Amino acid sequence: MKPVQKPLNKEKPLDVEDFLGRVRQAIDSKDDFQLGIYRSLFHKFPRNIKAALKREGISL
């Protein structure tokens, strides 16, 4: 009998506070390049990141 393989794409926990800090830092420093990256990838963010941004009142 073959051993069962573990899933390869094991999800890692996200550091929401770190991400919010990076977004706030980009907003405070008016870093349009970084904000443009966050805006273009917003639709790919996980649900909990989107909820945290909305809760903090940050709109990209």
Protein backbone atom coordinates (compact mmCIF):
# COMPACT_ATOMS: atom_id res chain seq x y z
CA MET A 1 0.00 0.00 0.00
CA LYS A 2 1.32 3.43 -0.99
CA PRO A 3 1.67 6.10 1.71
CA VAL A 4 -0.63 9.10 1.36
CA GLN A 5 1.13 12.26 0.20
CA LYS A 6 0.76 15.48 2.09
CA PRO A 7 -0.69 18.42 0.14
CA LEU A 8 2.05 20.56 -1.38
CA ASN A 9 0.18 23.85 -1.34
CA LYS A 10 -0.19 24.17 2.40
CA GLU A 11 -1.45 27.65 3.21
CA LYS A 12 0.66 29.82 5.49
CA PRO A 13 -0.96 32.21 7.96
CA LEU A 14 -1.07 35.83 6.83
CA ASP A 15 0.29 38.68 8.91
CA VAL A 16 -2.55 41.17 8.49
CA GLU A 17 -1.03 43.81 10.78
CA ASP A 18 2.23 43.78 8.81
CA PHE A 19 0.35 44.22 5.54
CA LEU A 20 -1.73 47.08 6.94
CA GLY A 21 1.45 48.73 8.18
CA ARG A 22 3.01 48.50 4.74
CA VAL A 23 -0.08 50.02 3.11
CA ARG A 24 -0.20 52.83 5.69
CA GLN A 25 3.51 53.52 5.13
CA ALA A 26 2.99 53.72 1.35
CA ILE A 27 0.05 56.09 1.85
CA ASP A 28 1.95 58.30 4.31
CA SER A 29 5.01 58.54 2.07
CA LYS A 30 2.82 59.05 -1.03
CA ASP A 31 4.56 56.16 -2.79
CA ASP A 32 2.47 56.00 -5.97
CA PHE A 33 4.44 53.08 -7.39
CA GLN A 34 3.75 50.83 -4.39
CA LEU A 35 0.12 51.99 -4.13
CA GLY A 36 -0.34 51.21 -7.82
CA ILE A 37 0.86 47.66 -7.20
CA TYR A 38 -1.55 47.26 -4.27
CA ARG A 39 -4.42 48.64 -6.39
CA SER A 40 -3.74 46.33 -9.31
CA LEU A 41 -3.58 43.27 -7.04
CA PHE A 42 -6.52 44.20 -4.79
CA HIS A 43 -8.92 41.78 -6.47
CA LYS A 44 -6.51 38.91 -5.68
CA PHE A 45 -6.24 39.69 -1.95
CA PRO A 46 -7.76 37.14 0.42
CA ARG A 47 -11.09 37.91 2.04
CA ASN A 48 -9.60 38.64 5.46
CA ILE A 49 -7.17 41.23 4.00
CA LYS A 50 -10.01 43.00 2.20
CA ALA A 51 -12.08 43.00 5.39
CA ALA A 52 -9.15 44.43 7.40
CA LEU A 53 -8.62 47.20 4.85
CA LYS A 54 -12.32 48.06 4.94
CA ARG A 55 -12.36 47.97 8.75
CA GLU A 56 -9.40 50.39 8.89
CA GLY A 57 -11.05 52.71 6.35
CA ILE A 58 -8.32 52.25 3.74
CA SER A 59 -9.52 52.34 0.17
CA LEU A 60 -7.10 51.57 -2.60
